[in-house]
Amino acid sequence: MLAVATYQDPMNGNITMYGHDGTAIDLLPDLPRMVSGLYWAPRGLRMIVVLSDGQHSELTLWDQAIRPDEFPAPQVVDRLVHEVSWCSDEVIYACGDGSVYEYRADTNMHLVKTFTSTDIQESWTFVGSTTIAGSSVAITASSSTSNIWVPTHDISVSAAHHGDITALELRPQPRTSIIHQSTSLLFATASMDDTVKLWNIDVESKQIQCLHRLYLGPSSPALCSRFSPDGYAIAAATHDKLLIWSVERGGVALAKWTAPATEVMKNDGDQDGAVNSNDDNNNTKNATMDNLEDSAFYRSLSWDCDGKKLALGFRKQMAIINLQR
């Protein structure tokens, strides 16, 4: 099932549900604020819906098995919530300005604990969570300061990058680490400093170290990154390139895809028909550059479930990339 959030104005959000064949199968009731995030549970048809008015946020638990008028009361946060992560079927973490929040969602949703950072003004932009050796671990990062914080275990790294952090993701846990109750995990941060860094954290010793610094090239900020489903590889995208590395080996990329120049410069600002005026030409060029600048730093990246294909969204285009290992 696919959930898509839209809005007509900042105070009126809508969510439409689509089936596997692309047909709209349900339209949720209008929401009182703009939908700023949708986060599916690891299993089952449940998700956290984040609503925002620009100053405050609400977290609502949506469950297909429950009638809309029977949904649990929303959790109101006096500050903005930027991202949500399901740690397990019932434990949820949300990061925001100055704090990380732990919630439990069963038949109801309630706040368990609030972790407050030393700087209460620090904006925690990204959060990832998992269970290690029977305990919940949450990792958060601030885009603007490039700080990393593990609030559940009081671990932190200051200025982890020389530029804004653009993504944080935990590596899918290998089955061997689950069986042997490993106390360490690996995660990645992508940054505007042209790198992706792979980090190892041991929650028992509270040690964290950078294992690999993956370089995308000069003036090639890492705009997004994503682990393959089996955790073997990690992919990162910049303006017009996609690179893939071995997580264990790091170093030189295993593969690279470059968008054709003609496709990169193509945009929907172009108009059909001939343009005769120099002024019209200049206006068209200006509009083109505005479109390119507006979309220059937005990238979306996803692996298929088998780790054999990658979908990359850039500007108003999508590339489907086939991989062979």
Foldseek 3Di string as FASTA:
>chain_A
DDWDKDDPDQQWIWIWDADPVRHTDDIDPIDRGGFQDWAAAPDAGKIWTWGDSQAKIWTWIDHPVDDPVQTADIDIGRGDWQDKEHQHNFWIWTFFQQWIWIWGDDSYIDTDDIQGDPPNRQGFHDKYWYAFLRHIWMWTAGQQFRKIATRVQGAIDGCPDPFGWQDKDWQPDAPVCVVVRAQKTWMWIFGQRQWIWIKIARSVVRDIDTDETAGRDPSFGFLDKDAQLNRQKMWTHGQFKIFICGPVPHDDTPDMDGHPPVVSQDAPLDDPDDDDDPVVVVVSVVVSVVLCVVQRRDKDWDAPNVRQWMWIDGRPDIDIDGHDD
